[in-house]
Amino acid sequence: MFNRKQQRGIFVLIILLFLVLIIYFIAGKRDRQFLIVEDTSVYQRQVDSLKSLAIAKQNKIYPFNPNYITDYRGYVLGLSEEELGRLHRFRESNKWINSKKDFQNVTGVSESVAR
C-alpha cells in the first residue's frame, strides 16, 4: 500500500486541509454582515405608491380625436376604405369633426362603430 513517508505526507495534507477550513470559517464569520431588520413601513409605503402609480399609468385612457386617424389606425378600428376615404376628403377641405354625430355623418359608420 503506502510506505511510511507517503502516509506522513497524506496525514500532513489532511491536517493542512482542516486548518485552512477552520481559518476560512473563522475569518468568514467576522466578515459577514447580518441583516438588521428595521422599521420597513416607510419603504413599504414607497413600494405601494409606486405600484399604484404603475397601475394608474397602465389604465390611462387617452382622448380619441378622429380628425387625425391614419390609414393604419382606421384599419385597426375597422373602418372600410370608403369610410376612411370620406374622412380624409372631409379633412382635406379644412373642416373638423367635433362630435360623434359629425363623425357618423362624414364617414357613414353605424352607431356601434362610432361608440
PDB file of N, CA and C in Angstrom:
ATOM      1  N   MET A   1       0.831  -1.175   0.000  1.00  0.00           N
ATOM      2  CA  MET A   1       0.000   0.000   0.000  1.00  0.00           C
ATOM      3  C   MET A   1       0.882   1.248   0.000  1.00  0.00           C
ATOM      4  N   PHE A   2       0.804   2.091   1.033  1.00  0.00           N
ATOM      5  CA  PHE A   2       1.643   3.283   1.112  1.00  0.00           C
ATOM      6  C   PHE A   2       2.797   3.021   2.071  1.00  0.00           C
ATOM      7  N   ASN A   3       3.962   3.540   1.721  1.00  0.00           N
ATOM      8  CA  ASN A   3       5.079   3.398   2.667  1.00  0.00           C
ATOM      9  C   ASN A   3       4.967   4.480   3.740  1.00  0.00           C
ATOM     10  N   ARG A   4       5.877   4.443   4.703  1.00  0.00           N
ATOM     11  CA  ARG A   4       5.801   5.318   5.864  1.00  0.00           C
ATOM     12  C   ARG A   4       5.871   6.796   5.472  1.00  0.00           C
ATOM     13  N   LYS A   5       6.687   7.144   4.509  1.00  0.00           N
ATOM     14  CA  LYS A   5       6.860   8.531   4.063  1.00  0.00           C
ATOM     15  C   LYS A   5       5.577   9.034   3.401  1.00  0.00           C
ATOM     16  N   GLN A   6       4.926   8.221   2.598  1.00  0.00           N
ATOM     17  CA  GLN A   6       3.688   8.614   1.924  1.00  0.00           C
ATOM     18  C   GLN A   6       2.554   8.799   2.937  1.00  0.00           C
ATOM     19  N   GLN A   7       2.506   7.918   3.958  1.00  0.00           N
ATOM     20  CA  GLN A   7       1.479   8.023   4.986  1.00  0.00           C
ATOM     21  C   GLN A   7       1.614   9.341   5.748  1.00  0.00           C
ATOM     22  N   ARG A   8       2.847   9.724   6.097  1.00  0.00           N
ATOM     23  CA  ARG A   8       3.057  11.007   6.776  1.00  0.00           C
ATOM     24  C   ARG A   8       2.652  12.180   5.883  1.00  0.00           C
ATOM     25  N   GLY A   9       2.935  12.107   4.606  1.00  0.00           N
ATOM     26  CA  GLY A   9       2.561  13.177   3.673  1.00  0.00           C
ATOM     27  C   GLY A   9       1.048  13.339   3.578  1.00  0.00           C
ATOM     28  N   ILE A  10       0.327  12.232   3.494  1.00  0.00           N
ATOM     29  CA  ILE A  10      -1.142  12.290   3.442  1.00  0.00           C
ATOM     30  C   ILE A  10      -1.682  12.871   4.741  1.00  0.00           C
ATOM     31  N   PHE A  11      -1.127  12.454   5.879  1.00  0.00           N
ATOM     32  CA  PHE A  11      -1.556  12.952   7.179  1.00  0.00           C
ATOM     33  C   PHE A  11      -1.335  14.464   7.287  1.00  0.00           C
ATOM     34  N   VAL A  12      -0.200  14.943   6.823  1.00  0.00           N
ATOM     35  CA  VAL A  12       0.095  16.374   6.854  1.00  0.00           C
ATOM     36  C   VAL A  12      -0.870  17.136   5.938  1.00  0.00           C
ATOM     37  N   LEU A  13      -1.188  16.601   4.765  1.00  0.00           N
ATOM     38  CA  LEU A  13      -2.145  17.259   3.853  1.00  0.00           C
ATOM     39  C   LEU A  13      -3.530  17.349   4.480  1.00  0.00           C
ATOM     40  N   ILE A  14      -3.965  16.295   5.171  1.00  0.00           N
ATOM     41  CA  ILE A  14      -5.276  16.324   5.821  1.00  0.00           C
ATOM     42  C   ILE A  14      -5.301  17.382   6.918  1.00  0.00           C
ATOM     43  N   ILE A  15      -4.233  17.448   7.715  1.00  0.00           N
ATOM     44  CA  ILE A  15      -4.162  18.460   8.777  1.00  0.00           C
ATOM     45  C   ILE A  15      -4.162  19.869   8.171  1.00  0.00           C
ATOM     46  N   LEU A  16      -3.419  20.080   7.094  1.00  0.00           N
ATOM     47  CA  LEU A  16      -3.412  21.391   6.428  1.00  0.00           C
ATOM     48  C   LEU A  16      -4.792  21.748   5.889  1.00  0.00           C
ATOM     49  N   LEU A  17      -5.494  20.772   5.330  1.00  0.00           N
ATOM     50  CA  LEU A  17      -6.836  21.000   4.811  1.00  0.00           C
ATOM     51  C   LEU A  17      -7.772  21.447   5.924  1.00  0.00           C
ATOM     52  N   PHE A  18      -7.727  20.762   7.070  1.00  0.00           N
ATOM     53  CA  PHE A  18      -8.567  21.145   8.199  1.00  0.00           C
ATOM     54  C   PHE A  18      -8.205  22.535   8.722  1.00  0.00           C
ATOM     55  N   LEU A  19      -6.941  22.860   8.771  1.00  0.00           N
ATOM     56  CA  LEU A  19      -6.521  24.187   9.220  1.00  0.00           C
ATOM     57  C   LEU A  19      -7.049  25.287   8.286  1.00  0.00           C
ATOM     58  N   VAL A  20      -6.952  25.047   6.992  1.00  0.00           N
ATOM     59  CA  VAL A  20      -7.455  26.028   6.013  1.00  0.00           C
ATOM     60  C   VAL A  20      -8.957  26.200   6.168  1.00  0.00           C
ATOM     61  N   LEU A  21      -9.695  25.104   6.346  1.00  0.00           N
ATOM     62  CA  LEU A  21     -11.149  25.202   6.524  1.00  0.00           C
ATOM     63  C   LEU A  21     -11.513  25.939   7.805  1.00  0.00           C
ATOM     64  N   ILE A  22     -10.801  25.678   8.881  1.00  0.00           N
ATOM     65  CA  ILE A  22     -11.079  26.360  10.142  1.00  0.00           C
ATOM     66  C   ILE A  22     -10.806  27.853  10.006  1.00  0.00           C
ATOM     67  N   ILE A  23      -9.689  28.207   9.399  1.00  0.00           N
ATOM     68  CA  ILE A  23      -9.366  29.624   9.199  1.00  0.00           C
ATOM     69  C   ILE A  23     -10.411  30.292   8.301  1.00  0.00           C
ATOM     70  N   TYR A  24     -10.853  29.598   7.271  1.00  0.00           N
ATOM     71  CA  TYR A  24     -11.851  30.142   6.345  1.00  0.00           C
ATOM     72  C   TYR A  24     -13.152  30.448   7.093  1.00  0.00           C
ATOM     73  N   PHE A  25     -13.636  29.507   7.907  1.00  0.00           N
ATOM     74  CA  PHE A  25     -14.894  29.719   8.609  1.00  0.00           C
ATOM     75  C   PHE A  25     -14.778  30.770   9.706  1.00  0.00           C
ATOM     76  N   ILE A  26     -13.651  30.824  10.409  1.00  0.00           N
ATOM     77  CA  ILE A  26     -13.482  31.834  11.457  1.00  0.00           C
ATOM     78  C   ILE A  26     -13.370  33.226  10.837  1.00  0.00           C
ATOM     79  N   ALA A  27     -12.578  33.366   9.791  1.00  0.00           N
ATOM     80  CA  ALA A  27     -12.427  34.668   9.129  1.00  0.00           C
ATOM     81  C   ALA A  27     -13.725  35.062   8.434  1.00  0.00           C
ATOM     82  N   GLY A  28     -14.434  34.092   7.908  1.00  0.00           N
ATOM     83  CA  GLY A  28     -15.693  34.375   7.221  1.00  0.00           C
ATOM     84  C   GLY A  28     -16.755  34.900   8.156  1.00  0.00           C
ATOM     85  N   LYS A  29     -16.761  34.432   9.409  1.00  0.00           N
ATOM     86  CA  LYS A  29     -17.771  34.906  10.365  1.00  0.00           C
ATOM     87  C   LYS A  29     -17.551  36.369  10.717  1.00  0.00           C
ATOM     88  N   ARG A  30     -16.330  36.813  10.768  1.00  0.00           N
ATOM     89  CA  ARG A  30     -16.068  38.213  11.074  1.00  0.00           C
ATOM     90  C   ARG A  30     -16.502  39.131   9.930  1.00  0.00           C
ATOM     91  N   ASP A  31     -16.378  38.662   8.703  1.00  0.00           N
ATOM     92  CA  ASP A  31     -16.704  39.492   7.546  1.00  0.00           C
ATOM     93  C   ASP A  31     -18.189  39.506   7.227  1.00  0.00           C
ATOM     94  N   ARG A  32     -18.932  38.571   7.733  1.00  0.00           N
ATOM     95  CA  ARG A  32     -20.357  38.505   7.415  1.00  0.00           C
ATOM     96  C   ARG A  32     -21.096  39.625   8.118  1.00  0.00           C
ATOM     97  N   GLN A  33     -21.976  40.224   7.374  1.00  0.00           N
ATOM     98  CA  GLN A  33     -22.820  41.254   7.958  1.00  0.00           C
ATOM     99  C   GLN A  33     -24.234  40.707   7.982  1.00  0.00           C
ATOM    100  N   PHE A  34     -24.816  40.697   9.137  1.00  0.00           N
ATOM    101  CA  PHE A  34     -26.153  40.168   9.273  1.00  0.00           C
ATOM    102  C   PHE A  34     -27.162  41.260   8.964  1.00  0.00           C
ATOM    103  N   LEU A  35     -28.277  40.860   8.416  1.00  0.00           N
ATOM    104  CA  LEU A  35     -29.340  41.786   8.076  1.00  0.00           C
ATOM    105  C   LEU A  35     -29.984  42.293   9.355  1.00  0.00           C
ATOM    106  N   ILE A  36     -29.970  43.587   9.509  1.00  0.00           N
ATOM    107  CA  ILE A  36     -30.592  44.201  10.672  1.00  0.00           C
ATOM    108  C   ILE A  36     -31.988  44.632  10.244  1.00  0.00           C
ATOM    109  N   VAL A  37     -32.979  44.046  10.854  1.00  0.00           N
ATOM    110  CA  VAL A  37     -34.358  44.340  10.491  1.00  0.00           C
ATOM    111  C   VAL A  37     -34.767  45.625  11.195  1.00  0.00           C
ATOM    112  N   GLU A  38     -35.074  46.622  10.407  1.00  0.00           N
ATOM    113  CA  GLU A  38     -35.511  47.906  10.929  1.00  0.00           C
ATOM    114  C   GLU A  38     -36.982  48.082  10.600  1.00  0.00           C
ATOM    115  N   ASP A  39     -37.473  49.246  10.880  1.00  0.00           N
ATOM    116  CA  ASP A  39     -38.847  49.569  10.535  1.00  0.00           C
ATOM    117  C   ASP A  39     -38.923  49.750   9.022  1.00  0.00           C
ATOM    118  N   THR A  40     -39.585  48.833   8.362  1.00  0.00           N
ATOM    119  CA  THR A  40     -39.652  48.864   6.900  1.00  0.00           C
ATOM    120  C   THR A  40     -40.947  49.476   6.387  1.00  0.00           C
ATOM    121  N   SER A  41     -41.738  50.059   7.270  1.00  0.00           N
ATOM    122  CA  SER A  41     -43.020  50.608   6.827  1.00  0.00           C
ATOM    123  C   SER A  41     -42.832  51.774   5.858  1.00  0.00           C
ATOM    124  N   VAL A  42     -41.778  52.551   6.019  1.00  0.00           N
ATOM    125  CA  VAL A  42     -41.514  53.677   5.108  1.00  0.00           C
ATOM    126  C   VAL A  42     -41.246  53.144   3.706  1.00  0.00           C
ATOM    127  N   TYR A  43     -40.418  52.116   3.628  1.00  0.00           N
ATOM    128  CA  TYR A  43     -40.101  51.540   2.333  1.00  0.00           C
ATOM    129  C   TYR A  43     -41.313  50.848   1.715  1.00  0.00           C
ATOM    130  N   GLN A  44     -42.107  50.205   2.560  1.00  0.00           N
ATOM    131  CA  GLN A  44     -43.294  49.528   2.050  1.00  0.00           C
ATOM    132  C   GLN A  44     -44.290  50.536   1.480  1.00  0.00           C
ATOM    133  N   ARG A  45     -44.440  51.695   2.128  1.00  0.00           N
ATOM    134  CA  ARG A  45     -45.328  52.734   1.592  1.00  0.00           C
ATOM    135  C   ARG A  45     -44.833  53.235   0.241  1.00  0.00           C
ATOM    136  N   GLN A  46     -43.507  53.382   0.098  1.00  0.00           N
ATOM    137  CA  GLN A  46     -42.957  53.817  -1.189  1.00  0.00           C
ATOM    138  C   GLN A  46     -43.225  52.783  -2.271  1.00  0.00           C
ATOM    139  N   VAL A  47     -43.037  51.525  -1.951  1.00  0.00           N
ATOM    140  CA  VAL A  47     -43.295  50.457  -2.927  1.00  0.00           C
ATOM    141  C   VAL A  47     -44.767  50.440  -3.305  1.00  0.00           C
ATOM    142  N   ASP A  48     -45.642  50.571  -2.317  1.00  0.00           N
ATOM    143  CA  ASP A  48     -47.077  50.579  -2.599  1.00  0.00           C
ATOM    144  C   ASP A  48     -47.479  51.765  -3.470  1.00  0.00           C
ATOM    145  N   SER A  49     -46.895  52.943  -3.205  1.00  0.00           N
ATOM    146  CA  SER A  49     -47.240  54.108  -4.024  1.00  0.00           C
ATOM    147  C   SER A  49     -46.733  53.945  -5.449  1.00  0.00           C
ATOM    148  N   LEU A  50     -45.554  53.345  -5.622  1.00  0.00           N
ATOM    149  CA  LEU A  50     -45.043  53.106  -6.972  1.00  0.00           C
ATOM    150  C   LEU A  50     -45.904  52.100  -7.717  1.00  0.00           C
ATOM    151  N   LYS A  51     -46.389  51.082  -7.011  1.00  0.00           N
ATOM    152  CA  LYS A  51     -47.281  50.106  -7.645  1.00  0.00           C
ATOM    153  C   LYS A  51     -48.583  50.763  -8.079  1.00  0.00           C
ATOM    154  N   SER A  52     -49.148  51.620  -7.230  1.00  0.00           N
ATOM    155  CA  SER A  52     -50.400  52.283  -7.594  1.00  0.00           C
ATOM    156  C   SER A  52     -50.197  53.246  -8.766  1.00  0.00           C
ATOM    157  N   LEU A  53     -49.040  53.902  -8.813  1.00  0.00           N
ATOM    158  CA  LEU A  53     -48.753  54.773  -9.957  1.00  0.00           C
ATOM    159  C   LEU A  53     -48.627  53.974 -11.243  1.00  0.00           C
ATOM    160  N   ALA A  54     -48.011  52.805 -11.161  1.00  0.00           N
ATOM    161  CA  ALA A  54     -47.863  51.958 -12.345  1.00  0.00           C
ATOM    162  C   ALA A  54     -49.219  51.485 -12.833  1.00  0.00           C
ATOM    163  N   ILE A  55     -50.108  51.140 -11.922  1.00  0.00           N
ATOM    164  CA  ILE A  55     -51.447  50.694 -12.315  1.00  0.00           C
ATOM    165  C   ILE A  55     -52.227  51.850 -12.923  1.00  0.00           C
ATOM    166  N   ALA A  56     -52.133  53.030 -12.324  1.00  0.00           N
ATOM    167  CA  ALA A  56     -52.847  54.194 -12.859  1.00  0.00           C
ATOM    168  C   ALA A  56     -52.329  54.561 -14.241  1.00  0.00           C
ATOM    169  N   LYS A  57     -51.025  54.460 -14.435  1.00  0.00           N
ATOM    170  CA  LYS A  57     -50.442  54.781 -15.734  1.00  0.00           C
ATOM    171  C   LYS A  57     -50.852  53.751 -16.782  1.00  0.00           C
ATOM    172  N   GLN A  58     -50.939  52.510 -16.368  1.00  0.00           N
ATOM    173  CA  GLN A  58     -51.285  51.436 -17.288  1.00  0.00           C
ATOM    174  C   GLN A  58     -52.727  51.569 -17.779  1.00  0.00           C
ATOM    175  N   ASN A  59     -53.632  52.025 -16.930  1.00  0.00           N
ATOM    176  CA  ASN A  59     -55.042  52.083 -17.280  1.00  0.00           C
ATOM    177  C   ASN A  59     -55.490  53.456 -17.771  1.00  0.00           C
ATOM    178  N   LYS A  60     -54.561  54.306 -18.123  1.00  0.00           N
ATOM    179  CA  LYS A  60     -54.916  55.649 -18.563  1.00  0.00           C
ATOM    180  C   LYS A  60     -55.563  55.581 -19.939  1.00  0.00           C
ATOM    181  N   ILE A  61     -56.692  56.246 -20.080  1.00  0.00           N
ATOM    182  CA  ILE A  61     -57.414  56.299 -21.352  1.00  0.00           C
ATOM    183  C   ILE A  61     -57.151  57.661 -21.981  1.00  0.00           C
ATOM    184  N   TYR A  62     -56.615  57.626 -23.170  1.00  0.00           N
ATOM    185  CA  TYR A  62     -56.329  58.868 -23.872  1.00  0.00           C
ATOM    186  C   TYR A  62     -57.539  59.280 -24.706  1.00  0.00           C
ATOM    187  N   PRO A  63     -57.772  60.579 -24.857  1.00  0.00           N
ATOM    188  CA  PRO A  63     -58.909  61.033 -25.661  1.00  0.00           C
ATOM    189  C   PRO A  63     -58.712  60.668 -27.130  1.00  0.00           C
ATOM    190  N   PHE A  64     -59.810  60.359 -27.772  1.00  0.00           N
ATOM    191  CA  PHE A  64     -59.787  59.949 -29.176  1.00  0.00           C
ATOM    192  C   PHE A  64     -60.169  61.133 -30.043  1.00  0.00           C
ATOM    193  N   ASN A  65     -59.320  61.449 -31.005  1.00  0.00           N
ATOM    194  CA  ASN A  65     -59.595  62.542 -31.919  1.00  0.00           C
ATOM    195  C   ASN A  65     -59.658  61.971 -33.330  1.00  0.00           C
ATOM    196  N   PRO A  66     -60.867  61.856 -33.904  1.00  0.00           N
ATOM    197  CA  PRO A  66     -60.998  61.257 -35.237  1.00  0.00           C
ATOM    198  C   PRO A  66     -60.441  62.125 -36.355  1.00  0.00           C
ATOM    199  N   ASN A  67     -60.064  63.360 -36.068  1.00  0.00           N
ATOM    200  CA  ASN A  67     -59.504  64.225 -37.100  1.00  0.00           C
ATOM    201  C   ASN A  67     -58.124  63.774 -37.548  1.00  0.00           C
ATOM    202  N   TYR A  68     -57.463  62.972 -36.752  1.00  0.00           N
ATOM    203  CA  TYR A  68     -56.091  62.566 -37.068  1.00  0.00           C
ATOM    204  C   TYR A  68     -55.960  61.059 -37.273  1.00  0.00           C
ATOM    205  N   ILE A  69     -56.978  60.417 -37.759  1.00  0.00           N
ATOM    206  CA  ILE A  69     -56.922  58.975 -37.995  1.00  0.00           C
ATOM    207  C   ILE A  69     -56.060  58.706 -39.224  1.00  0.00           C
ATOM    208  N   THR A  70     -55.065  57.846 -39.053  1.00  0.00           N
ATOM    209  CA  THR A  70     -54.233  57.424 -40.184  1.00  0.00           C
ATOM    210  C   THR A  70     -54.865  56.196 -40.833  1.00  0.00           C
ATOM    211  N   ASP A  71     -54.299  55.788 -41.962  1.00  0.00           N
ATOM    212  CA  ASP A  71     -54.807  54.599 -42.640  1.00  0.00           C
ATOM    213  C   ASP A  71     -54.689  53.367 -41.742  1.00  0.00           C
ATOM    214  N   TYR A  72     -53.571  53.249 -41.079  1.00  0.00           N
ATOM    215  CA  TYR A  72     -53.365  52.089 -40.211  1.00  0.00           C
ATOM    216  C   TYR A  72     -54.357  52.099 -39.057  1.00  0.00           C
ATOM    217  N   ARG A  73     -54.512  53.259 -38.411  1.00  0.00           N
ATOM    218  CA  ARG A  73     -55.434  53.353 -37.275  1.00  0.00           C
ATOM    219  C   ARG A  73     -56.873  53.098 -37.722  1.00  0.00           C
ATOM    220  N   GLY A  74     -57.224  53.560 -38.895  1.00  0.00           N
ATOM    221  CA  GLY A  74     -58.554  53.280 -39.433  1.00  0.00           C
ATOM    222  C   GLY A  74     -58.759  51.789 -39.671  1.00  0.00           C
ATOM    223  N   TYR A  75     -57.721  51.106 -40.148  1.00  0.00           N
ATOM    224  CA  TYR A  75     -57.792  49.659 -40.346  1.00  0.00           C
ATOM    225  C   TYR A  75     -57.973  48.951 -39.010  1.00  0.00           C
ATOM    226  N   VAL A  76     -57.212  49.391 -37.998  1.00  0.00           N
ATOM    227  CA  VAL A  76     -57.318  48.771 -36.669  1.00  0.00           C
ATOM    228  C   VAL A  76     -58.704  49.007 -36.086  1.00  0.00           C
ATOM    229  N   LEU A  77     -59.283  50.174 -36.306  1.00  0.00           N
ATOM    230  CA  LEU A  77     -60.615  50.484 -35.788  1.00  0.00           C
ATOM    231  C   LEU A  77     -61.723  49.786 -36.567  1.00  0.00           C
ATOM    232  N   GLY A  78     -61.406  49.235 -37.717  1.00  0.00           N
ATOM    233  CA  GLY A  78     -62.394  48.506 -38.504  1.00  0.00           C
ATOM    234  C   GLY A  78     -63.126  49.354 -39.527  1.00  0.00           C
ATOM    235  N   LEU A  79     -62.562  50.489 -39.892  1.00  0.00           N
ATOM    236  CA  LEU A  79     -63.186  51.328 -40.919  1.00  0.00           C
ATOM    237  C   LEU A  79     -62.869  50.759 -42.297  1.00  0.00           C
ATOM    238  N   SER A  80     -63.847  50.846 -43.167  1.00  0.00           N
ATOM    239  CA  SER A  80     -63.607  50.391 -44.534  1.00  0.00           C
ATOM    240  C   SER A  80     -62.832  51.467 -45.294  1.00  0.00           C
ATOM    241  N   GLU A  81     -62.356  51.122 -46.484  1.00  0.00           N
ATOM    242  CA  GLU A  81     -61.598  52.090 -47.291  1.00  0.00           C
ATOM    243  C   GLU A  81     -62.472  53.266 -47.712  1.00  0.00           C
ATOM    244  N   GLU A  82     -63.731  53.003 -47.996  1.00  0.00           N
ATOM    245  CA  GLU A  82     -64.637  54.080 -48.398  1.00  0.00           C
ATOM    246  C   GLU A  82     -64.865  55.051 -47.243  1.00  0.00           C
ATOM    247  N   GLU A  83     -65.086  54.504 -46.043  1.00  0.00           N
ATOM    248  CA  GLU A  83     -65.323  55.364 -44.883  1.00  0.00           C
ATOM    249  C   GLU A  83     -64.086  56.203 -44.566  1.00  0.00           C
ATOM    250  N   LEU A  84     -62.937  55.569 -44.646  1.00  0.00           N
ATOM    251  CA  LEU A  84     -61.692  56.278 -44.387  1.00  0.00           C
ATOM    252  C   LEU A  84     -61.427  57.331 -45.463  1.00  0.00           C
ATOM    253  N   GLY A  85     -61.752  57.010 -46.705  1.00  0.00           N
ATOM    254  CA  GLY A  85     -61.596  57.973 -47.795  1.00  0.00           C
ATOM    255  C   GLY A  85     -62.493  59.186 -47.609  1.00  0.00           C
ATOM    256  N   ARG A  86     -63.747  58.965 -47.178  1.00  0.00           N
ATOM    257  CA  ARG A  86     -64.654  60.093 -46.924  1.00  0.00           C
ATOM    258  C   ARG A  86     -64.104  60.987 -45.811  1.00  0.00           C
ATOM    259  N   LEU A  87     -63.530  60.356 -44.780  1.00  0.00           N
ATOM    260  CA  LEU A  87     -62.964  61.126 -43.679  1.00  0.00           C
ATOM    261  C   LEU A  87     -61.788  61.975 -44.157  1.00  0.00           C
ATOM    262  N   HIS A  88     -60.903  61.391 -44.960  1.00  0.00           N
ATOM    263  CA  HIS A  88     -59.740  62.139 -45.454  1.00  0.00           C
ATOM    264  C   HIS A  88     -60.164  63.276 -46.394  1.00  0.00           C
ATOM    265  N   ARG A  89     -61.161  63.040 -47.242  1.00  0.00           N
ATOM    266  CA  ARG A  89     -61.641  64.105 -48.137  1.00  0.00           C
ATOM    267  C   ARG A  89     -62.255  65.248 -47.316  1.00  0.00           C
ATOM    268  N   PHE A  90     -62.979  64.904 -46.259  1.00  0.00           N
ATOM    269  CA  PHE A  90     -63.574  65.916 -45.391  1.00  0.00           C
ATOM    270  C   PHE A  90     -62.473  66.752 -44.732  1.00  0.00           C
ATOM    271  N   ARG A  91     -61.414  66.102 -44.272  1.00  0.00           N
ATOM    272  CA  ARG A  91     -60.308  66.810 -43.619  1.00  0.00           C
ATOM    273  C   ARG A  91     -59.510  67.654 -44.623  1.00  0.00           C
ATOM    274  N   GLU A  92     -59.418  67.220 -45.867  1.00  0.00           N
ATOM    275  CA  GLU A  92     -58.696  67.994 -46.877  1.00  0.00           C
ATOM    276  C   GLU A  92     -59.389  69.314 -47.188  1.00  0.00           C
ATOM    277  N   SER A  93     -60.690  69.379 -46.907  1.00  0.00           N
ATOM    278  CA  SER A  93     -61.414  70.633 -47.135  1.00  0.00           C
ATOM    279  C   SER A  93     -61.307  71.568 -45.923  1.00  0.00           C
ATOM    280  N   ASN A  94     -60.348  71.279 -45.015  1.00  0.00           N
ATOM    281  CA  ASN A  94     -60.079  72.091 -43.821  1.00  0.00           C
ATOM    282  C   ASN A  94     -61.274  72.195 -42.877  1.00  0.00           C
ATOM    283  N   LYS A  95     -62.048  71.132 -42.788  1.00  0.00           N
ATOM    284  CA  LYS A  95     -63.152  71.077 -41.827  1.00  0.00           C
ATOM    285  C   LYS A  95     -62.768  70.107 -40.727  1.00  0.00           C
ATOM    286  N   TRP A  96     -63.414  70.275 -39.577  1.00  0.00           N
ATOM    287  CA  TRP A  96     -63.092  69.463 -38.419  1.00  0.00           C
ATOM    288  C   TRP A  96     -64.300  68.670 -37.955  1.00  0.00           C
ATOM    289  N   ILE A  97     -64.043  67.516 -37.416  1.00  0.00           N
ATOM    290  CA  ILE A  97     -65.097  66.718 -36.786  1.00  0.00           C
ATOM    291  C   ILE A  97     -65.086  67.074 -35.307  1.00  0.00           C
ATOM    292  N   ASN A  98     -66.246  67.515 -34.806  1.00  0.00           N
ATOM    293  CA  ASN A  98     -66.311  67.977 -33.429  1.00  0.00           C
ATOM    294  C   ASN A  98     -67.161  67.096 -32.522  1.00  0.00           C
ATOM    295  N   SER A  99     -67.859  66.115 -33.082  1.00  0.00           N
ATOM    296  CA  SER A  99     -68.699  65.267 -32.243  1.00  0.00           C
ATOM    297  C   SER A  99     -68.820  63.884 -32.876  1.00  0.00           C
ATOM    298  N   LYS A 100     -69.409  63.018 -32.101  1.00  0.00           N
ATOM    299  CA  LYS A 100     -69.631  61.661 -32.594  1.00  0.00           C
ATOM    300  C   LYS A 100     -70.633  61.681 -33.756  1.00  0.00           C
ATOM    301  N   LYS A 101     -71.599  62.539 -33.675  1.00  0.00           N
ATOM    302  CA  LYS A 101     -72.610  62.654 -34.743  1.00  0.00           C
ATOM    303  C   LYS A 101     -71.962  63.138 -36.034  1.00  0.00           C
ATOM    304  N   ASP A 102     -71.043  64.115 -35.944  1.00  0.00           N
ATOM    305  CA  ASP A 102     -70.310  64.582 -37.126  1.00  0.00           C
ATOM    306  C   ASP A 102     -69.514  63.428 -37.747  1.00  0.00           C
ATOM    307  N   PHE A 103     -68.871  62.636 -36.924  1.00  0.00           N
ATOM    308  CA  PHE A 103     -68.086  61.505 -37.412  1.00  0.00           C
ATOM    309  C   PHE A 103     -68.969  60.510 -38.149  1.00  0.00           C
ATOM    310  N   GLN A 104     -70.168  60.244 -37.606  1.00  0.00           N
ATOM    311  CA  GLN A 104     -71.090  59.325 -38.273  1.00  0.00           C
ATOM    312  C   GLN A 104     -71.586  59.892 -39.596  1.00  0.00           C
ATOM    313  N   ASN A 105     -71.881  61.177 -39.618  1.00  0.00           N
ATOM    314  CA  ASN A 105     -72.378  61.788 -40.848  1.00  0.00           C
ATOM    315  C   ASN A 105     -71.311  61.791 -41.940  1.00  0.00           C
ATOM    316  N   VAL A 106     -70.071  62.084 -41.582  1.00  0.00           N
ATOM    317  CA  VAL A 106     -68.999  62.183 -42.565  1.00  0.00           C
ATOM    318  C   VAL A 106     -68.613  60.809 -43.093  1.00  0.00           C
ATOM    319  N   THR A 107     -68.406  59.857 -42.209  1.00  0.00           N
ATOM    320  CA  THR A 107     -67.900  58.556 -42.633  1.00  0.00           C
ATOM    321  C   THR A 107     -69.000  57.583 -43.011  1.00  0.00           C
ATOM    322  N   GLY A 108     -70.196  57.749 -42.447  1.00  0.00           N
ATOM    323  CA  GLY A 108     -71.283  56.842 -42.717  1.00  0.00           C
ATOM    324  C   GLY A 108     -71.198  55.540 -41.928  1.00  0.00           C
ATOM    325  N   VAL A 109     -70.484  55.550 -40.817  1.00  0.00           N
ATOM    326  CA  VAL A 109     -70.375  54.341 -39.988  1.00  0.00           C
ATOM    327  C   VAL A 109     -71.615  54.179 -39.141  1.00  0.00           C
ATOM    328  N   SER A 110     -71.837  52.965 -38.677  1.00  0.00           N
ATOM    329  CA  SER A 110     -73.019  52.682 -37.842  1.00  0.00           C
ATOM    330  C   SER A 110     -72.800  53.175 -36.418  1.00  0.00           C
ATOM    331  N   GLU A 111     -73.848  53.148 -35.636  1.00  0.00           N
ATOM    332  CA  GLU A 111     -73.797  53.590 -34.241  1.00  0.00           C
ATOM    333  C   GLU A 111     -72.833  52.728 -33.420  1.00  0.00           C
ATOM    334  N   SER A 112     -72.769  51.439 -33.705  1.00  0.00           N
ATOM    335  CA  SER A 112     -71.927  50.543 -32.916  1.00  0.00           C
ATOM    336  C   SER A 112     -70.425  50.836 -33.134  1.00  0.00           C
ATOM    337  N   VAL A 113     -70.037  51.237 -34.325  1.00  0.00           N
ATOM    338  CA  VAL A 113     -68.639  51.557 -34.608  1.00  0.00           C
ATOM    339  C   VAL A 113     -68.271  52.906 -34.007  1.00  0.00           C
ATOM    340  N   ALA A 114     -69.178  53.857 -34.023  1.00  0.00           N
ATOM    341  CA  ALA A 114     -68.894  55.213 -33.558  1.00  0.00           C
ATOM    342  C   ALA A 114     -68.896  55.294 -32.041  1.00  0.00           C
ATOM    343  N   ARG A 115     -69.284  54.256 -31.393  1.00  0.00           N
ATOM    344  CA  ARG A 115     -69.312  54.252 -29.932  1.00  0.00           C
ATOM    345  C   ARG A 115     -67.951  54.434 -29.420  1.00  0.00           C
TER     346      ARG A 115
END
